Amino acid sequence: MAEADALNAESKGVEVNTIVQFQNKFVDFTGYIERAVVLHLEFWGKLLDESPDISKIILLGSKITNTVALVTKTFSSLQEINPNHIACLEIYGNFLKEVVHDDQESSKILEKAEYISKSNRANT
């Protein structure tokens, strides 16, 4: 009996560690998305200038590319931990749709989030 309690306590510890790990990555994930949005706004603002500084635009484009790659990498890490986290799927799907303009990938992710949400409602 004591052995079963010890195993149960160990598995709960792993679960808690996984939850904390997910939450930490999720905070990073939302921060990277925020940074990407700010960079996109700055990029388009520079393009609207009467005489845009091409070197600044190129630098912003490079930062955008790196930040979007970081968002994608972090999303993949989050999916490995919890592939059914609805908020994560919705945030990333809307990011792809509204900021990156990748309608095909965003549709897949948003459909997955909707399917999981409907499944959760059906199971309760």
PDB file of N, CA and C in Angstrom:
ATOM      1  N   MET A   1       0.830  -1.184   0.000  1.00  0.00           N
ATOM      2  CA  MET A   1       0.000   0.000   0.000  1.00  0.00           C
ATOM      3  C   MET A   1       0.881   1.256   0.000  1.00  0.00           C
ATOM      4  N   ALA A   2       1.920   1.261   0.815  1.00  0.00           N
ATOM      5  CA  ALA A   2       2.830   2.396   0.881  1.00  0.00           C
ATOM      6  C   ALA A   2       3.535   2.586  -0.458  1.00  0.00           C
ATOM      7  N   GLU A   3       3.834   1.475  -1.115  1.00  0.00           N
ATOM      8  CA  GLU A   3       4.495   1.553  -2.415  1.00  0.00           C
ATOM      9  C   GLU A   3       3.565   2.197  -3.452  1.00  0.00           C
ATOM     10  N   ALA A   4       2.291   1.840  -3.405  1.00  0.00           N
ATOM     11  CA  ALA A   4       1.320   2.435  -4.331  1.00  0.00           C
ATOM     12  C   ALA A   4       1.181   3.931  -4.075  1.00  0.00           C
ATOM     13  N   ASP A   5       1.168   4.343  -2.802  1.00  0.00           N
ATOM     14  CA  ASP A   5       1.096   5.775  -2.473  1.00  0.00           C
ATOM     15  C   ASP A   5       2.325   6.512  -2.985  1.00  0.00           C
ATOM     16  N   ALA A   6       3.486   5.882  -2.852  1.00  0.00           N
ATOM     17  CA  ALA A   6       4.725   6.508  -3.321  1.00  0.00           C
ATOM     18  C   ALA A   6       4.687   6.679  -4.841  1.00  0.00           C
ATOM     19  N   LEU A   7       4.218   5.659  -5.568  1.00  0.00           N
ATOM     20  CA  LEU A   7       4.122   5.766  -7.023  1.00  0.00           C
ATOM     21  C   LEU A   7       3.118   6.837  -7.429  1.00  0.00           C
ATOM     22  N   ASN A   8       2.007   6.902  -6.718  1.00  0.00           N
ATOM     23  CA  ASN A   8       0.994   7.907  -7.006  1.00  0.00           C
ATOM     24  C   ASN A   8       1.537   9.319  -6.758  1.00  0.00           C
ATOM     25  N   ALA A   9       2.268   9.482  -5.678  1.00  0.00           N
ATOM     26  CA  ALA A   9       2.862  10.786  -5.356  1.00  0.00           C
ATOM     27  C   ALA A   9       3.882  11.180  -6.420  1.00  0.00           C
ATOM     28  N   GLU A  10       4.667  10.202  -6.892  1.00  0.00           N
ATOM     29  CA  GLU A  10       5.654  10.501  -7.931  1.00  0.00           C
ATOM     30  C   GLU A  10       4.977  10.935  -9.216  1.00  0.00           C
ATOM     31  N   SER A  11       3.902  10.256  -9.614  1.00  0.00           N
ATOM     32  CA  SER A  11       3.230  10.616 -10.863  1.00  0.00           C
ATOM     33  C   SER A  11       2.570  11.981 -10.747  1.00  0.00           C
ATOM     34  N   LYS A  12       2.059  12.342  -9.584  1.00  0.00           N
ATOM     35  CA  LYS A  12       1.488  13.674  -9.386  1.00  0.00           C
ATOM     36  C   LYS A  12       2.578  14.738  -9.488  1.00  0.00           C
ATOM     37  N   GLY A  13       3.759  14.426  -8.973  1.00  0.00           N
ATOM     38  CA  GLY A  13       4.866  15.370  -9.062  1.00  0.00           C
ATOM     39  C   GLY A  13       5.256  15.627 -10.496  1.00  0.00           C
ATOM     40  N   VAL A  14       5.276  14.586 -11.299  1.00  0.00           N
ATOM     41  CA  VAL A  14       5.599  14.734 -12.712  1.00  0.00           C
ATOM     42  C   VAL A  14       4.520  15.563 -13.404  1.00  0.00           C
ATOM     43  N   GLU A  15       3.265  15.305 -13.063  1.00  0.00           N
ATOM     44  CA  GLU A  15       2.161  16.045 -13.656  1.00  0.00           C
ATOM     45  C   GLU A  15       2.256  17.531 -13.307  1.00  0.00           C
ATOM     46  N   VAL A  16       2.557  17.834 -12.065  1.00  0.00           N
ATOM     47  CA  VAL A  16       2.695  19.223 -11.639  1.00  0.00           C
ATOM     48  C   VAL A  16       3.865  19.875 -12.368  1.00  0.00           C
ATOM     49  N   ASN A  17       4.973  19.160 -12.496  1.00  0.00           N
ATOM     50  CA  ASN A  17       6.125  19.704 -13.213  1.00  0.00           C
ATOM     51  C   ASN A  17       5.783  19.991 -14.672  1.00  0.00           C
ATOM     52  N   THR A  18       5.019  19.097 -15.274  1.00  0.00           N
ATOM     53  CA  THR A  18       4.614  19.294 -16.659  1.00  0.00           C
ATOM     54  C   THR A  18       3.712  20.509 -16.792  1.00  0.00           C
ATOM     55  N   ILE A  19       2.795  20.671 -15.857  1.00  0.00           N
ATOM     56  CA  ILE A  19       1.889  21.830 -15.885  1.00  0.00           C
ATOM     57  C   ILE A  19       2.682  23.124 -15.732  1.00  0.00           C
ATOM     58  N   VAL A  20       3.617  23.140 -14.805  1.00  0.00           N
ATOM     59  CA  VAL A  20       4.438  24.341 -14.594  1.00  0.00           C
ATOM     60  C   VAL A  20       5.280  24.631 -15.833  1.00  0.00           C
ATOM     61  N   GLN A  21       5.843  23.578 -16.411  1.00  0.00           N
ATOM     62  CA  GLN A  21       6.644  23.746 -17.622  1.00  0.00           C
ATOM     63  C   GLN A  21       5.782  24.326 -18.749  1.00  0.00           C
ATOM     64  N   PHE A  22       4.564  23.794 -18.907  1.00  0.00           N
ATOM     65  CA  PHE A  22       3.665  24.295 -19.944  1.00  0.00           C
ATOM     66  C   PHE A  22       3.335  25.772 -19.694  1.00  0.00           C
ATOM     67  N   GLN A  23       3.000  26.105 -18.458  1.00  0.00           N
ATOM     68  CA  GLN A  23       2.634  27.487 -18.137  1.00  0.00           C
ATOM     69  C   GLN A  23       3.778  28.455 -18.418  1.00  0.00           C
ATOM     70  N   ASN A  24       5.002  28.057 -18.069  1.00  0.00           N
ATOM     71  CA  ASN A  24       6.159  28.919 -18.329  1.00  0.00           C
ATOM     72  C   ASN A  24       6.356  29.137 -19.828  1.00  0.00           C
ATOM     73  N   LYS A  25       6.247  28.060 -20.601  1.00  0.00           N
ATOM     74  CA  LYS A  25       6.388  28.185 -22.054  1.00  0.00           C
ATOM     75  C   LYS A  25       5.237  28.986 -22.653  1.00  0.00           C
ATOM     76  N   PHE A  26       4.042  28.837 -22.072  1.00  0.00           N
ATOM     77  CA  PHE A  26       2.879  29.561 -22.570  1.00  0.00           C
ATOM     78  C   PHE A  26       3.057  31.067 -22.378  1.00  0.00           C
ATOM     79  N   VAL A  27       3.619  31.460 -21.249  1.00  0.00           N
ATOM     80  CA  VAL A  27       3.899  32.881 -21.001  1.00  0.00           C
ATOM     81  C   VAL A  27       4.907  33.394 -22.029  1.00  0.00           C
ATOM     82  N   ASP A  28       5.955  32.608 -22.287  1.00  0.00           N
ATOM     83  CA  ASP A  28       6.932  32.987 -23.318  1.00  0.00           C
ATOM     84  C   ASP A  28       6.256  33.104 -24.683  1.00  0.00           C
ATOM     85  N   PHE A  29       5.411  32.121 -24.985  1.00  0.00           N
ATOM     86  CA  PHE A  29       4.694  32.055 -26.258  1.00  0.00           C
ATOM     87  C   PHE A  29       3.875  33.328 -26.500  1.00  0.00           C
ATOM     88  N   THR A  30       3.099  33.729 -25.516  1.00  0.00           N
ATOM     89  CA  THR A  30       2.278  34.932 -25.676  1.00  0.00           C
ATOM     90  C   THR A  30       3.150  36.190 -25.777  1.00  0.00           C
ATOM     91  N   GLY A  31       4.278  36.188 -25.074  1.00  0.00           N
ATOM     92  CA  GLY A  31       5.202  37.316 -25.179  1.00  0.00           C
ATOM     93  C   GLY A  31       5.815  37.419 -26.563  1.00  0.00           C
ATOM     94  N   TYR A  32       6.171  36.277 -27.153  1.00  0.00           N
ATOM     95  CA  TYR A  32       6.727  36.279 -28.513  1.00  0.00           C
ATOM     96  C   TYR A  32       5.685  36.754 -29.526  1.00  0.00           C
ATOM     97  N   ILE A  33       4.438  36.335 -29.320  1.00  0.00           N
ATOM     98  CA  ILE A  33       3.373  36.787 -30.224  1.00  0.00           C
ATOM     99  C   ILE A  33       3.194  38.299 -30.107  1.00  0.00           C
ATOM    100  N   GLU A  34       3.206  38.791 -28.886  1.00  0.00           N
ATOM    101  CA  GLU A  34       3.075  40.237 -28.690  1.00  0.00           C
ATOM    102  C   GLU A  34       4.214  40.979 -29.397  1.00  0.00           C
ATOM    103  N   ARG A  35       5.424  40.461 -29.247  1.00  0.00           N
ATOM    104  CA  ARG A  35       6.578  41.092 -29.898  1.00  0.00           C
ATOM    105  C   ARG A  35       6.419  41.063 -31.421  1.00  0.00           C
ATOM    106  N   ALA A  36       5.944  39.941 -31.956  1.00  0.00           N
ATOM    107  CA  ALA A  36       5.747  39.828 -33.402  1.00  0.00           C
ATOM    108  C   ALA A  36       4.710  40.831 -33.899  1.00  0.00           C
ATOM    109  N   VAL A  37       3.639  41.008 -33.145  1.00  0.00           N
ATOM    110  CA  VAL A  37       2.598  41.964 -33.540  1.00  0.00           C
ATOM    111  C   VAL A  37       3.162  43.380 -33.546  1.00  0.00           C
ATOM    112  N   VAL A  38       3.903  43.737 -32.515  1.00  0.00           N
ATOM    113  CA  VAL A  38       4.497  45.075 -32.435  1.00  0.00           C
ATOM    114  C   VAL A  38       5.451  45.303 -33.610  1.00  0.00           C
ATOM    115  N   LEU A  39       6.254  44.285 -33.932  1.00  0.00           N
ATOM    116  CA  LEU A  39       7.185  44.412 -35.056  1.00  0.00           C
ATOM    117  C   LEU A  39       6.441  44.575 -36.384  1.00  0.00           C
ATOM    118  N   HIS A  40       5.359  43.829 -36.556  1.00  0.00           N
ATOM    119  CA  HIS A  40       4.565  43.966 -37.782  1.00  0.00           C
ATOM    120  C   HIS A  40       3.984  45.379 -37.896  1.00  0.00           C
ATOM    121  N   LEU A  41       3.455  45.880 -36.802  1.00  0.00           N
ATOM    122  CA  LEU A  41       2.894  47.235 -36.825  1.00  0.00           C
ATOM    123  C   LEU A  41       3.966  48.274 -37.151  1.00  0.00           C
ATOM    124  N   GLU A  42       5.121  48.096 -36.545  1.00  0.00           N
ATOM    125  CA  GLU A  42       6.226  49.023 -36.803  1.00  0.00           C
ATOM    126  C   GLU A  42       6.668  48.934 -38.267  1.00  0.00           C
ATOM    127  N   PHE A  43       6.739  47.705 -38.788  1.00  0.00           N
ATOM    128  CA  PHE A  43       7.134  47.480 -40.178  1.00  0.00           C
ATOM    129  C   PHE A  43       6.185  48.204 -41.136  1.00  0.00           C
ATOM    130  N   TRP A  44       4.873  47.994 -40.943  1.00  0.00           N
ATOM    131  CA  TRP A  44       3.914  48.624 -41.841  1.00  0.00           C
ATOM    132  C   TRP A  44       3.862  50.131 -41.637  1.00  0.00           C
ATOM    133  N   GLY A  45       4.122  50.583 -40.419  1.00  0.00           N
ATOM    134  CA  GLY A  45       4.206  52.023 -40.166  1.00  0.00           C
ATOM    135  C   GLY A  45       5.350  52.653 -40.931  1.00  0.00           C
ATOM    136  N   LYS A  46       6.492  51.969 -40.967  1.00  0.00           N
ATOM    137  CA  LYS A  46       7.657  52.481 -41.706  1.00  0.00           C
ATOM    138  C   LYS A  46       7.379  52.516 -43.207  1.00  0.00           C
ATOM    139  N   LEU A  47       6.650  51.523 -43.694  1.00  0.00           N
ATOM    140  CA  LEU A  47       6.333  51.507 -45.124  1.00  0.00           C
ATOM    141  C   LEU A  47       5.426  52.658 -45.526  1.00  0.00           C
ATOM    142  N   LEU A  48       4.631  53.155 -44.574  1.00  0.00           N
ATOM    143  CA  LEU A  48       3.723  54.261 -44.867  1.00  0.00           C
ATOM    144  C   LEU A  48       4.403  55.629 -44.814  1.00  0.00           C
ATOM    145  N   ASP A  49       5.643  55.679 -44.315  1.00  0.00           N
ATOM    146  CA  ASP A  49       6.382  56.942 -44.280  1.00  0.00           C
ATOM    147  C   ASP A  49       6.539  57.479 -45.706  1.00  0.00           C
ATOM    148  N   GLU A  50       6.661  58.806 -45.800  1.00  0.00           N
ATOM    149  CA  GLU A  50       6.837  59.412 -47.125  1.00  0.00           C
ATOM    150  C   GLU A  50       8.112  58.946 -47.803  1.00  0.00           C
ATOM    151  N   SER A  51       9.188  58.850 -47.046  1.00  0.00           N
ATOM    152  CA  SER A  51      10.429  58.307 -47.608  1.00  0.00           C
ATOM    153  C   SER A  51      10.960  57.261 -46.623  1.00  0.00           C
ATOM    154  N   PRO A  52      10.509  56.015 -46.799  1.00  0.00           N
ATOM    155  CA  PRO A  52      10.883  54.955 -45.859  1.00  0.00           C
ATOM    156  C   PRO A  52      12.380  54.656 -45.886  1.00  0.00           C
ATOM    157  N   ASP A  53      12.920  54.384 -44.719  1.00  0.00           N
ATOM    158  CA  ASP A  53      14.325  54.003 -44.587  1.00  0.00           C
ATOM    159  C   ASP A  53      14.423  52.499 -44.846  1.00  0.00           C
ATOM    160  N   ILE A  54      14.972  52.158 -45.993  1.00  0.00           N
ATOM    161  CA  ILE A  54      15.023  50.764 -46.432  1.00  0.00           C
ATOM    162  C   ILE A  54      15.814  49.897 -45.463  1.00  0.00           C
ATOM    163  N   SER A  55      16.894  50.414 -44.908  1.00  0.00           N
ATOM    164  CA  SER A  55      17.704  49.606 -43.987  1.00  0.00           C
ATOM    165  C   SER A  55      16.910  49.252 -42.725  1.00  0.00           C
ATOM    166  N   LYS A  56      16.091  50.188 -42.236  1.00  0.00           N
ATOM    167  CA  LYS A  56      15.251  49.906 -41.065  1.00  0.00           C
ATOM    168  C   LYS A  56      14.173  48.882 -41.412  1.00  0.00           C
ATOM    169  N   ILE A  57      13.627  48.994 -42.602  1.00  0.00           N
ATOM    170  CA  ILE A  57      12.603  48.042 -43.034  1.00  0.00           C
ATOM    171  C   ILE A  57      13.192  46.643 -43.155  1.00  0.00           C
ATOM    172  N   ILE A  58      14.376  46.545 -43.704  1.00  0.00           N
ATOM    173  CA  ILE A  58      15.041  45.239 -43.824  1.00  0.00           C
ATOM    174  C   ILE A  58      15.329  44.663 -42.444  1.00  0.00           C
ATOM    175  N   LEU A  59      15.798  45.502 -41.536  1.00  0.00           N
ATOM    176  CA  LEU A  59      16.079  45.054 -40.169  1.00  0.00           C
ATOM    177  C   LEU A  59      14.791  44.576 -39.487  1.00  0.00           C
ATOM    178  N   LEU A  60      13.722  45.327 -39.631  1.00  0.00           N
ATOM    179  CA  LEU A  60      12.438  44.918 -39.054  1.00  0.00           C
ATOM    180  C   LEU A  60      11.940  43.619 -39.677  1.00  0.00           C
ATOM    181  N   GLY A  61      12.102  43.464 -40.980  1.00  0.00           N
ATOM    182  CA  GLY A  61      11.705  42.227 -41.655  1.00  0.00           C
ATOM    183  C   GLY A  61      12.462  41.027 -41.119  1.00  0.00           C
ATOM    184  N   SER A  62      13.737  41.215 -40.859  1.00  0.00           N
ATOM    185  CA  SER A  62      14.553  40.143 -40.294  1.00  0.00           C
ATOM    186  C   SER A  62      14.094  39.793 -38.876  1.00  0.00           C
ATOM    187  N   LYS A  63      13.807  40.823 -38.089  1.00  0.00           N
ATOM    188  CA  LYS A  63      13.320  40.598 -36.721  1.00  0.00           C
ATOM    189  C   LYS A  63      11.970  39.882 -36.746  1.00  0.00           C
ATOM    190  N   ILE A  64      11.111  40.271 -37.684  1.00  0.00           N
ATOM    191  CA  ILE A  64       9.801  39.621 -37.815  1.00  0.00           C
ATOM    192  C   ILE A  64       9.981  38.143 -38.144  1.00  0.00           C
ATOM    193  N   THR A  65      10.830  37.853 -39.097  1.00  0.00           N
ATOM    194  CA  THR A  65      11.072  36.458 -39.496  1.00  0.00           C
ATOM    195  C   THR A  65      11.562  35.639 -38.318  1.00  0.00           C
ATOM    196  N   ASN A  66      12.508  36.169 -37.571  1.00  0.00           N
ATOM    197  CA  ASN A  66      13.053  35.451 -36.414  1.00  0.00           C
ATOM    198  C   ASN A  66      12.008  35.267 -35.320  1.00  0.00           C
ATOM    199  N   THR A  67      11.208  36.285 -35.085  1.00  0.00           N
ATOM    200  CA  THR A  67      10.193  36.204 -34.035  1.00  0.00           C
ATOM    201  C   THR A  67       9.083  35.226 -34.408  1.00  0.00           C
ATOM    202  N   VAL A  68       8.653  35.243 -35.653  1.00  0.00           N
ATOM    203  CA  VAL A  68       7.625  34.290 -36.097  1.00  0.00           C
ATOM    204  C   VAL A  68       8.158  32.863 -35.990  1.00  0.00           C
ATOM    205  N   ALA A  69       9.424  32.665 -36.335  1.00  0.00           N
ATOM    206  CA  ALA A  69      10.032  31.335 -36.190  1.00  0.00           C
ATOM    207  C   ALA A  69      10.058  30.916 -34.722  1.00  0.00           C
ATOM    208  N   LEU A  70      10.338  31.852 -33.834  1.00  0.00           N
ATOM    209  CA  LEU A  70      10.350  31.567 -32.400  1.00  0.00           C
ATOM    210  C   LEU A  70       8.952  31.227 -31.897  1.00  0.00           C
ATOM    211  N   VAL A  71       7.949  31.927 -32.376  1.00  0.00           N
ATOM    212  CA  VAL A  71       6.554  31.627 -32.014  1.00  0.00           C
ATOM    213  C   VAL A  71       6.207  30.214 -32.457  1.00  0.00           C
ATOM    214  N   THR A  72       6.567  29.864 -33.680  1.00  0.00           N
ATOM    215  CA  THR A  72       6.265  28.540 -34.228  1.00  0.00           C
ATOM    216  C   THR A  72       6.982  27.444 -33.446  1.00  0.00           C
ATOM    217  N   LYS A  73       8.233  27.679 -33.114  1.00  0.00           N
ATOM    218  CA  LYS A  73       9.005  26.696 -32.344  1.00  0.00           C
ATOM    219  C   LYS A  73       8.397  26.508 -30.952  1.00  0.00           C
ATOM    220  N   THR A  74       8.026  27.596 -30.315  1.00  0.00           N
ATOM    221  CA  THR A  74       7.433  27.517 -28.979  1.00  0.00           C
ATOM    222  C   THR A  74       6.075  26.826 -29.030  1.00  0.00           C
ATOM    223  N   PHE A  75       5.295  27.104 -30.070  1.00  0.00           N
ATOM    224  CA  PHE A  75       4.008  26.429 -30.235  1.00  0.00           C
ATOM    225  C   PHE A  75       4.221  24.919 -30.374  1.00  0.00           C
ATOM    226  N   SER A  76       5.218  24.516 -31.135  1.00  0.00           N
ATOM    227  CA  SER A  76       5.512  23.084 -31.289  1.00  0.00           C
ATOM    228  C   SER A  76       5.876  22.451 -29.951  1.00  0.00           C
ATOM    229  N   SER A  77       6.645  23.156 -29.151  1.00  0.00           N
ATOM    230  CA  SER A  77       7.001  22.657 -27.819  1.00  0.00           C
ATOM    231  C   SER A  77       5.765  22.514 -26.938  1.00  0.00           C
ATOM    232  N   LEU A  78       4.886  23.491 -27.011  1.00  0.00           N
ATOM    233  CA  LEU A  78       3.651  23.439 -26.230  1.00  0.00           C
ATOM    234  C   LEU A  78       2.770  22.273 -26.682  1.00  0.00           C
ATOM    235  N   GLN A  79       2.737  22.017 -27.982  1.00  0.00           N
ATOM    236  CA  GLN A  79       1.942  20.914 -28.508  1.00  0.00           C
ATOM    237  C   GLN A  79       2.466  19.561 -28.056  1.00  0.00           C
ATOM    238  N   GLU A  80       3.775  19.461 -27.877  1.00  0.00           N
ATOM    239  CA  GLU A  80       4.356  18.219 -27.362  1.00  0.00           C
ATOM    240  C   GLU A  80       3.910  17.963 -25.927  1.00  0.00           C
ATOM    241  N   ILE A  81       3.770  19.026 -25.161  1.00  0.00           N
ATOM    242  CA  ILE A  81       3.370  18.892 -23.762  1.00  0.00           C
ATOM    243  C   ILE A  81       1.861  18.652 -23.655  1.00  0.00           C
ATOM    244  N   ASN A  82       1.068  19.479 -24.353  1.00  0.00           N
ATOM    245  CA  ASN A  82      -0.387  19.365 -24.275  1.00  0.00           C
ATOM    246  C   ASN A  82      -0.994  19.760 -25.620  1.00  0.00           C
ATOM    247  N   PRO A  83      -1.234  18.782 -26.487  1.00  0.00           N
ATOM    248  CA  PRO A  83      -1.745  19.102 -27.828  1.00  0.00           C
ATOM    249  C   PRO A  83      -3.209  19.529 -27.849  1.00  0.00           C
ATOM    250  N   ASN A  84      -3.901  19.445 -26.712  1.00  0.00           N
ATOM    251  CA  ASN A  84      -5.325  19.765 -26.676  1.00  0.00           C
ATOM    252  C   ASN A  84      -5.644  21.028 -25.887  1.00  0.00           C
ATOM    253  N   HIS A  85      -4.686  21.893 -25.672  1.00  0.00           N
ATOM    254  CA  HIS A  85      -4.910  23.129 -24.930  1.00  0.00           C
ATOM    255  C   HIS A  85      -5.610  24.123 -25.862  1.00  0.00           C
ATOM    256  N   ILE A  86      -6.888  24.340 -25.605  1.00  0.00           N
ATOM    257  CA  ILE A  86      -7.733  25.119 -26.512  1.00  0.00           C
ATOM    258  C   ILE A  86      -7.242  26.557 -26.663  1.00  0.00           C
ATOM    259  N   ALA A  87      -6.915  27.215 -25.570  1.00  0.00           N
ATOM    260  CA  ALA A  87      -6.471  28.618 -25.648  1.00  0.00           C
ATOM    261  C   ALA A  87      -5.202  28.742 -26.486  1.00  0.00           C
ATOM    262  N   CYS A  88      -4.288  27.821 -26.304  1.00  0.00           N
ATOM    263  CA  CYS A  88      -3.037  27.850 -27.072  1.00  0.00           C
ATOM    264  C   CYS A  88      -3.332  27.702 -28.562  1.00  0.00           C
ATOM    265  N   LEU A  89      -4.197  26.756 -28.899  1.00  0.00           N
ATOM    266  CA  LEU A  89      -4.557  26.537 -30.302  1.00  0.00           C
ATOM    267  C   LEU A  89      -5.248  27.764 -30.886  1.00  0.00           C
ATOM    268  N   GLU A  90      -6.163  28.342 -30.128  1.00  0.00           N
ATOM    269  CA  GLU A  90      -6.888  29.511 -30.627  1.00  0.00           C
ATOM    270  C   GLU A  90      -5.976  30.716 -30.808  1.00  0.00           C
ATOM    271  N   ILE A  91      -5.098  30.934 -29.862  1.00  0.00           N
ATOM    272  CA  ILE A  91      -4.177  32.071 -29.954  1.00  0.00           C
ATOM    273  C   ILE A  91      -3.270  31.915 -31.171  1.00  0.00           C
ATOM    274  N   TYR A  92      -2.686  30.718 -31.329  1.00  0.00           N
ATOM    275  CA  TYR A  92      -1.775  30.503 -32.448  1.00  0.00           C
ATOM    276  C   TYR A  92      -2.531  30.544 -33.781  1.00  0.00           C
ATOM    277  N   GLY A  93      -3.713  29.939 -33.825  1.00  0.00           N
ATOM    278  CA  GLY A  93      -4.501  29.963 -35.051  1.00  0.00           C
ATOM    279  C   GLY A  93      -4.863  31.377 -35.466  1.00  0.00           C
ATOM    280  N   ASN A  94      -5.281  32.184 -34.509  1.00  0.00           N
ATOM    281  CA  ASN A  94      -5.613  33.581 -34.816  1.00  0.00           C
ATOM    282  C   ASN A  94      -4.370  34.392 -35.171  1.00  0.00           C
ATOM    283  N   PHE A  95      -3.246  34.084 -34.546  1.00  0.00           N
ATOM    284  CA  PHE A  95      -1.981  34.739 -34.901  1.00  0.00           C
ATOM    285  C   PHE A  95      -1.644  34.444 -36.363  1.00  0.00           C
ATOM    286  N   LEU A  96      -1.745  33.178 -36.749  1.00  0.00           N
ATOM    287  CA  LEU A  96      -1.462  32.821 -38.140  1.00  0.00           C
ATOM    288  C   LEU A  96      -2.428  33.499 -39.105  1.00  0.00           C
ATOM    289  N   LYS A  97      -3.677  33.588 -38.705  1.00  0.00           N
ATOM    290  CA  LYS A  97      -4.700  34.169 -39.575  1.00  0.00           C
ATOM    291  C   LYS A  97      -4.556  35.686 -39.689  1.00  0.00           C
ATOM    292  N   GLU A  98      -4.446  36.358 -38.560  1.00  0.00           N
ATOM    293  CA  GLU A  98      -4.500  37.817 -38.538  1.00  0.00           C
ATOM    294  C   GLU A  98      -3.160  38.513 -38.737  1.00  0.00           C
ATOM    295  N   VAL A  99      -2.083  37.870 -38.342  1.00  0.00           N
ATOM    296  CA  VAL A  99      -0.772  38.530 -38.403  1.00  0.00           C
ATOM    297  C   VAL A  99       0.077  37.971 -39.539  1.00  0.00           C
ATOM    298  N   VAL A 100       0.191  36.659 -39.610  1.00  0.00           N
ATOM    299  CA  VAL A 100       1.049  36.026 -40.610  1.00  0.00           C
ATOM    300  C   VAL A 100       0.316  35.846 -41.940  1.00  0.00           C
ATOM    301  N   HIS A 101      -1.018  35.819 -41.891  1.00  0.00           N
ATOM    302  CA  HIS A 101      -1.871  35.639 -43.066  1.00  0.00           C
ATOM    303  C   HIS A 101      -1.663  34.278 -43.725  1.00  0.00           C
ATOM    304  N   ASP A 102      -1.542  33.247 -42.886  1.00  0.00           N
ATOM    305  CA  ASP A 102      -1.470  31.864 -43.357  1.00  0.00           C
ATOM    306  C   ASP A 102      -2.837  31.232 -43.102  1.00  0.00           C
ATOM    307  N   ASP A 103      -3.753  31.480 -44.031  1.00  0.00           N
ATOM    308  CA  ASP A 103      -5.139  31.052 -43.843  1.00  0.00           C
ATOM    309  C   ASP A 103      -5.291  29.533 -43.785  1.00  0.00           C
ATOM    310  N   GLN A 104      -4.514  28.825 -44.580  1.00  0.00           N
ATOM    311  CA  GLN A 104      -4.651  27.374 -44.627  1.00  0.00           C
ATOM    312  C   GLN A 104      -4.264  26.739 -43.292  1.00  0.00           C
ATOM    313  N   GLU A 105      -3.110  27.087 -42.763  1.00  0.00           N
ATOM    314  CA  GLU A 105      -2.650  26.513 -41.490  1.00  0.00           C
ATOM    315  C   GLU A 105      -3.511  26.993 -40.331  1.00  0.00           C
ATOM    316  N   SER A 106      -3.905  28.254 -40.368  1.00  0.00           N
ATOM    317  CA  SER A 106      -4.734  28.775 -39.276  1.00  0.00           C
ATOM    318  C   SER A 106      -6.083  28.058 -39.245  1.00  0.00           C
ATOM    319  N   SER A 107      -6.640  27.759 -40.393  1.00  0.00           N
ATOM    320  CA  SER A 107      -7.915  27.043 -40.447  1.00  0.00           C
ATOM    321  C   SER A 107      -7.802  25.669 -39.803  1.00  0.00           C
ATOM    322  N   LYS A 108      -6.726  24.960 -40.097  1.00  0.00           N
ATOM    323  CA  LYS A 108      -6.517  23.630 -39.502  1.00  0.00           C
ATOM    324  C   LYS A 108      -6.464  23.712 -37.985  1.00  0.00           C
ATOM    325  N   ILE A 109      -5.703  24.678 -37.487  1.00  0.00           N
ATOM    326  CA  ILE A 109      -5.510  24.794 -36.044  1.00  0.00           C
ATOM    327  C   ILE A 109      -6.795  25.258 -35.359  1.00  0.00           C
ATOM    328  N   LEU A 110      -7.487  26.219 -35.941  1.00  0.00           N
ATOM    329  CA  LEU A 110      -8.733  26.695 -35.345  1.00  0.00           C
ATOM    330  C   LEU A 110      -9.826  25.621 -35.396  1.00  0.00           C
ATOM    331  N   GLU A 111      -9.830  24.816 -36.442  1.00  0.00           N
ATOM    332  CA  GLU A 111     -10.786  23.705 -36.519  1.00  0.00           C
ATOM    333  C   GLU A 111     -10.494  22.668 -35.434  1.00  0.00           C
ATOM    334  N   LYS A 112      -9.217  22.413 -35.198  1.00  0.00           N
ATOM    335  CA  LYS A 112      -8.833  21.476 -34.137  1.00  0.00           C
ATOM    336  C   LYS A 112      -9.307  22.007 -32.783  1.00  0.00           C
ATOM    337  N   ALA A 113      -9.102  23.285 -32.540  1.00  0.00           N
ATOM    338  CA  ALA A 113      -9.538  23.889 -31.271  1.00  0.00           C
ATOM    339  C   ALA A 113     -11.047  23.779 -31.117  1.00  0.00           C
ATOM    340  N   GLU A 114     -11.779  24.026 -32.194  1.00  0.00           N
ATOM    341  CA  GLU A 114     -13.240  23.938 -32.141  1.00  0.00           C
ATOM    342  C   GLU A 114     -13.688  22.496 -31.894  1.00  0.00           C
ATOM    343  N   TYR A 115     -13.032  21.550 -32.546  1.00  0.00           N
ATOM    344  CA  TYR A 115     -13.365  20.134 -32.356  1.00  0.00           C
ATOM    345  C   TYR A 115     -13.139  19.709 -30.903  1.00  0.00           C
ATOM    346  N   ILE A 116     -12.007  20.111 -30.332  1.00  0.00           N
ATOM    347  CA  ILE A 116     -11.696  19.764 -28.942  1.00  0.00           C
ATOM    348  C   ILE A 116     -12.712  20.406 -28.003  1.00  0.00           C
ATOM    349  N   SER A 117     -13.054  21.654 -28.280  1.00  0.00           N
ATOM    350  CA  SER A 117     -14.034  22.358 -27.451  1.00  0.00           C
ATOM    351  C   SER A 117     -15.391  21.659 -27.493  1.00  0.00           C
ATOM    352  N   LYS A 118     -15.833  21.274 -28.677  1.00  0.00           N
ATOM    353  CA  LYS A 118     -17.109  20.568 -28.805  1.00  0.00           C
ATOM    354  C   LYS A 118     -17.054  19.204 -28.126  1.00  0.00           C
ATOM    355  N   SER A 119     -15.922  18.526 -28.244  1.00  0.00           N
ATOM    356  CA  SER A 119     -15.767  17.225 -27.594  1.00  0.00           C
ATOM    357  C   SER A 119     -15.832  17.371 -26.083  1.00  0.00           C
ATOM    358  N   ASN A 120     -15.216  18.404 -25.558  1.00  0.00           N
ATOM    359  CA  ASN A 120     -15.237  18.646 -24.115  1.00  0.00           C
ATOM    360  C   ASN A 120     -16.657  18.930 -23.625  1.00  0.00           C
ATOM    361  N   ARG A 121     -17.399  19.728 -24.410  1.00  0.00           N
ATOM    362  CA  ARG A 121     -18.785  20.021 -24.027  1.00  0.00           C
ATOM    363  C   ARG A 121     -19.647  18.766 -24.087  1.00  0.00           C
ATOM    364  N   ALA A 122     -19.408  17.904 -25.061  1.00  0.00           N
ATOM    365  CA  ALA A 122     -20.189  16.682 -25.201  1.00  0.00           C
ATOM    366  C   ALA A 122     -19.895  15.699 -24.065  1.00  0.00           C
ATOM    367  N   ASN A 123     -18.680  15.748 -23.540  1.00  0.00           N
ATOM    368  CA  ASN A 123     -18.277  14.820 -22.471  1.00  0.00           C
ATOM    369  C   ASN A 123     -18.683  15.291 -21.084  1.00  0.00           C
ATOM    370  N   THR A 124     -19.170  16.527 -20.973  1.00  0.00           N
ATOM    371  CA  THR A 124     -19.568  17.021 -19.653  1.00  0.00           C
ATOM    372  C   THR A 124     -21.050  16.991 -19.459  1.00  0.00           C
TER     373      THR A 124
END
